[in-house]
N, C-alpha and C. Protein backbone atom coordinates (compact mmCIF):
# COMPACT_ATOMS: atom_id res chain seq x y z
N MET A 1 -5.63 -33.04 -17.58
CA MET A 1 -4.20 -32.59 -18.10
C MET A 1 -3.73 -31.87 -16.45
N THR A 2 -2.28 -32.19 -16.77
CA THR A 2 -1.91 -31.25 -15.25
C THR A 2 -1.31 -29.73 -15.26
N ASP A 3 -1.78 -28.49 -14.97
CA ASP A 3 -1.05 -27.30 -15.67
C ASP A 3 0.70 -27.40 -15.00
N LYS A 4 1.18 -26.27 -15.30
CA LYS A 4 2.76 -26.10 -15.52
C LYS A 4 3.10 -25.74 -14.37
N THR A 5 1.94 -25.01 -13.16
CA THR A 5 2.36 -24.88 -11.88
C THR A 5 3.08 -26.29 -11.05
N ASP A 6 1.18 -26.94 -11.37
CA ASP A 6 2.21 -28.42 -10.75
C ASP A 6 3.13 -29.43 -10.73
N PHE A 7 3.58 -29.34 -11.80
CA PHE A 7 4.22 -29.54 -12.32
C PHE A 7 5.92 -29.38 -12.25
N ILE A 8 5.91 -27.99 -11.85
CA ILE A 8 7.42 -27.00 -11.68
C ILE A 8 7.15 -27.63 -9.79
N THR A 9 6.15 -27.49 -9.08
CA THR A 9 6.24 -27.90 -8.04
C THR A 9 6.78 -29.31 -7.36
N ARG A 10 5.63 -29.80 -8.18
CA ARG A 10 5.89 -31.70 -7.95
C ARG A 10 7.39 -32.02 -8.01
N ALA A 11 8.09 -30.78 -9.30
CA ALA A 11 9.48 -31.34 -9.23
C ALA A 11 10.10 -30.92 -8.08
N MET A 12 10.22 -29.76 -8.24
CA MET A 12 10.53 -29.11 -7.13
C MET A 12 10.88 -29.86 -5.25
N SER A 13 9.87 -30.53 -5.37
CA SER A 13 9.72 -31.65 -3.96
C SER A 13 10.71 -32.58 -4.66
N ALA A 14 10.54 -33.35 -5.36
CA ALA A 14 11.25 -34.42 -5.68
C ALA A 14 13.18 -33.72 -6.35
N HIS A 15 13.21 -32.67 -6.36
CA HIS A 15 14.65 -31.93 -5.89
C HIS A 15 15.31 -32.04 -5.07
N PHE A 16 14.06 -31.91 -3.78
CA PHE A 16 14.58 -31.53 -2.87
C PHE A 16 15.20 -33.32 -1.80
N ARG A 17 13.98 -33.53 -2.36
CA ARG A 17 14.01 -35.28 -1.73
C ARG A 17 15.65 -35.97 -2.17
N HIS A 18 15.87 -35.88 -3.58
CA HIS A 18 17.55 -36.23 -4.15
C HIS A 18 18.30 -35.67 -3.09
N SER A 19 18.38 -34.18 -3.04
CA SER A 19 19.72 -33.86 -2.09
C SER A 19 19.38 -34.30 -1.20
N LYS A 20 18.24 -34.29 -0.56
CA LYS A 20 18.47 -34.71 1.10
C LYS A 20 18.92 -36.46 0.87
N MET A 21 18.39 -36.76 -0.35
CA MET A 21 19.03 -38.27 -0.17
C MET A 21 20.37 -38.72 -0.25
N TYR A 22 20.56 -37.95 -1.06
CA TYR A 22 22.12 -38.06 -1.20
C TYR A 22 23.08 -37.14 -1.31
N GLN A 23 22.69 -36.29 0.23
CA GLN A 23 23.72 -35.64 0.86
C GLN A 23 24.10 -34.30 -0.65
N VAL A 24 23.28 -33.88 -0.93
CA VAL A 24 23.74 -32.37 -2.27
C VAL A 24 23.65 -31.60 -2.29
N GLU A 25 24.06 -30.15 -1.79
CA GLU A 25 23.82 -29.05 -1.47
C GLU A 25 22.72 -27.83 -1.99
N ILE A 26 21.37 -27.94 -1.84
CA ILE A 26 20.32 -27.81 -3.04
C ILE A 26 20.79 -25.87 -3.66
N SER A 27 21.35 -25.15 -4.34
CA SER A 27 21.63 -24.26 -5.34
C SER A 27 20.43 -22.79 -5.26
N ARG A 28 20.24 -22.00 -4.86
CA ARG A 28 19.75 -20.50 -4.33
C ARG A 28 18.90 -20.79 -5.62
N SER A 29 19.32 -21.18 -7.04
CA SER A 29 18.44 -21.34 -7.80
C SER A 29 17.18 -22.11 -8.23
N ALA A 30 17.92 -23.23 -6.94
CA ALA A 30 16.64 -23.87 -6.67
C ALA A 30 15.22 -24.46 -6.29
N THR A 31 14.95 -22.83 -5.57
CA THR A 31 14.63 -22.46 -4.47
C THR A 31 13.55 -21.76 -5.11
N ASN A 32 13.99 -21.28 -5.85
CA ASN A 32 13.08 -20.28 -6.43
C ASN A 32 12.48 -20.23 -8.12
N ALA A 33 11.10 -20.87 -7.88
CA ALA A 33 10.80 -21.00 -8.79
C ALA A 33 10.38 -20.61 -10.43
N GLU A 34 11.10 -19.32 -10.31
CA GLU A 34 11.15 -18.69 -11.76
C GLU A 34 12.33 -19.48 -12.44
N HIS A 35 12.97 -19.90 -11.53
CA HIS A 35 14.55 -21.11 -12.88
C HIS A 35 13.92 -22.61 -12.90
N TRP A 36 12.65 -23.12 -12.84
CA TRP A 36 12.02 -23.51 -13.28
C TRP A 36 10.90 -23.12 -14.23
N ARG A 37 11.46 -24.33 -15.61
CA ARG A 37 10.57 -23.96 -16.85
C ARG A 37 9.76 -25.43 -17.68
N VAL A 38 8.63 -26.11 -18.08
CA VAL A 38 8.76 -26.86 -18.53
C VAL A 38 8.68 -26.79 -20.13
N ARG A 39 9.42 -27.46 -20.50
CA ARG A 39 9.35 -27.06 -22.14
C ARG A 39 9.51 -28.20 -22.70
N ILE A 40 8.81 -28.25 -24.16
CA ILE A 40 8.36 -29.04 -24.53
C ILE A 40 8.90 -29.55 -26.00
N LEU A 41 9.92 -30.64 -26.28
CA LEU A 41 10.69 -31.10 -26.98
C LEU A 41 10.97 -32.16 -27.71
N PHE A 42 10.59 -32.47 -28.87
CA PHE A 42 10.23 -33.18 -29.84
C PHE A 42 9.13 -34.39 -29.55
N GLY A 43 8.13 -33.89 -28.97
CA GLY A 43 6.95 -34.34 -28.57
C GLY A 43 6.81 -34.44 -26.74
N ARG A 44 8.41 -34.31 -26.38
CA ARG A 44 7.84 -34.44 -24.92
C ARG A 44 8.19 -33.56 -24.11
N LYS A 45 7.40 -33.98 -22.52
CA LYS A 45 7.36 -32.82 -21.87
C LYS A 45 8.92 -32.94 -20.86
N TYR A 46 9.33 -32.22 -20.87
CA TYR A 46 10.52 -32.02 -19.73
C TYR A 46 10.17 -30.84 -18.56
N VAL A 47 10.41 -30.72 -16.91
CA VAL A 47 10.86 -29.72 -16.10
C VAL A 47 12.39 -29.75 -16.24
N VAL A 48 12.55 -28.74 -15.78
CA VAL A 48 14.05 -27.92 -16.26
C VAL A 48 14.44 -27.34 -15.34
N LEU A 49 15.01 -27.23 -14.50
CA LEU A 49 16.34 -26.11 -13.20
C LEU A 49 17.04 -25.18 -14.19
N ASP A 50 16.62 -24.46 -14.50
CA ASP A 50 18.02 -23.60 -14.33
C ASP A 50 18.97 -22.70 -13.90
N GLY A 51 20.62 -23.37 -13.32
CA GLY A 51 20.57 -22.78 -12.63
C GLY A 51 22.20 -21.79 -13.12
N ASP A 52 23.25 -20.94 -12.46
CA ASP A 52 23.84 -19.88 -13.06
C ASP A 52 24.44 -20.67 -14.04
N ASP A 53 25.03 -21.84 -13.92
CA ASP A 53 26.21 -22.09 -14.92
C ASP A 53 25.26 -23.24 -15.92
N GLY A 54 24.33 -22.78 -16.23
CA GLY A 54 24.00 -24.25 -17.20
C GLY A 54 22.34 -24.74 -15.96
N ILE A 55 22.11 -25.63 -17.08
CA ILE A 55 21.36 -26.74 -16.18
C ILE A 55 21.48 -27.77 -15.00
N GLU A 56 21.02 -27.46 -14.01
CA GLU A 56 20.96 -28.62 -13.01
C GLU A 56 20.78 -29.54 -12.50
N ALA A 57 19.22 -29.56 -13.04
CA ALA A 57 18.66 -30.73 -13.13
C ALA A 57 17.36 -30.35 -13.80
N VAL A 58 16.94 -31.61 -15.01
CA VAL A 58 15.84 -31.79 -15.89
C VAL A 58 14.88 -33.38 -14.83
N TYR A 59 13.82 -33.22 -15.38
CA TYR A 59 12.69 -33.92 -15.51
C TYR A 59 11.93 -34.26 -15.85
N ARG A 60 11.80 -35.47 -16.04
CA ARG A 60 11.08 -35.54 -17.42
C ARG A 60 9.48 -35.68 -17.60
N ILE A 61 8.38 -35.47 -18.11
CA ILE A 61 7.02 -35.61 -17.80
C ILE A 61 6.67 -37.08 -18.84
N ARG A 62 6.04 -38.57 -18.02
CA ARG A 62 5.50 -39.39 -18.88
C ARG A 62 3.70 -38.95 -19.10
N PRO A 63 4.05 -39.27 -20.73
CA PRO A 63 2.99 -39.13 -21.37
C PRO A 63 1.33 -39.56 -20.78
N ASP A 64 1.73 -41.03 -19.96
CA ASP A 64 0.79 -41.99 -19.85
C ASP A 64 0.26 -41.29 -18.74
N THR A 65 1.18 -41.44 -17.63
CA THR A 65 1.25 -41.49 -15.85
C THR A 65 1.06 -39.64 -15.11
N GLU A 66 2.01 -39.45 -16.15
CA GLU A 66 2.29 -37.72 -16.08
C GLU A 66 3.25 -37.81 -14.75
N LYS A 67 3.80 -38.72 -14.38
CA LYS A 67 4.93 -39.16 -13.14
C LYS A 67 5.75 -37.96 -14.21
N LEU A 68 7.06 -38.14 -12.70
CA LEU A 68 8.01 -37.44 -13.21
C LEU A 68 9.64 -38.06 -13.19
N ARG A 69 10.50 -38.28 -14.16
CA ARG A 69 11.37 -39.40 -13.82
C ARG A 69 12.51 -37.78 -13.91
N ARG A 70 13.41 -38.26 -12.82
CA ARG A 70 14.86 -37.99 -12.97
C ARG A 70 15.58 -37.97 -14.06
N MET A 71 16.38 -37.14 -15.03
CA MET A 71 17.10 -37.65 -15.78
C MET A 71 18.52 -36.93 -15.64
N ARG A 72 19.17 -38.22 -15.71
CA ARG A 72 20.93 -38.46 -15.76
C ARG A 72 21.95 -37.66 -16.71
N ARG A 73 21.01 -37.90 -18.17
CA ARG A 73 21.43 -37.22 -19.62
C ARG A 73 20.32 -36.29 -19.76
N TRP A 74 20.54 -35.31 -20.30
CA TRP A 74 19.45 -35.07 -21.25
C TRP A 74 19.71 -34.47 -22.23
N PRO A 75 18.56 -33.90 -23.47
CA PRO A 75 19.33 -33.88 -25.00
C PRO A 75 19.54 -32.68 -24.90
N PRO A 76 20.73 -32.09 -25.52
CA PRO A 76 21.58 -31.11 -25.51
C PRO A 76 20.65 -29.66 -26.32
N ALA A 77 19.55 -30.06 -26.86
CA ALA A 77 18.60 -29.02 -27.18
C ALA A 77 17.71 -28.59 -25.86
N LEU A 78 18.04 -28.99 -24.95
CA LEU A 78 17.30 -28.13 -23.70
C LEU A 78 18.21 -27.35 -22.98
N GLU A 79 19.49 -27.46 -23.67
CA GLU A 79 20.30 -25.62 -23.19
C GLU A 79 20.14 -25.07 -23.68
N LYS A 80 19.41 -24.96 -24.69
CA LYS A 80 19.18 -23.57 -25.94
C LYS A 80 17.37 -23.11 -24.84
N ARG A 81 17.41 -21.59 -24.80
CA ARG A 81 16.44 -20.97 -24.19
C ARG A 81 15.85 -20.59 -24.82
N THR A 82 14.55 -20.38 -24.47
CA THR A 82 13.65 -20.10 -25.76
C THR A 82 12.35 -19.30 -24.85
């Protein structure tokens, strides 16, 4: 089992690669690890990037391979901070 910091590091690098590939500007919150968090919702794990105006990106962690997949739409329950 991989720890939370590894998931956050991998999600950050994936976010930077995605931004570079699609020429999207990276927000300041994306560069700060404090804005990233791992959430478990309905038995699934997600890495969430909280921006100033809400969630900027969500990556789902696959349970079998622990690969990250960027979500285009995420469950609304992730919007609530716990």
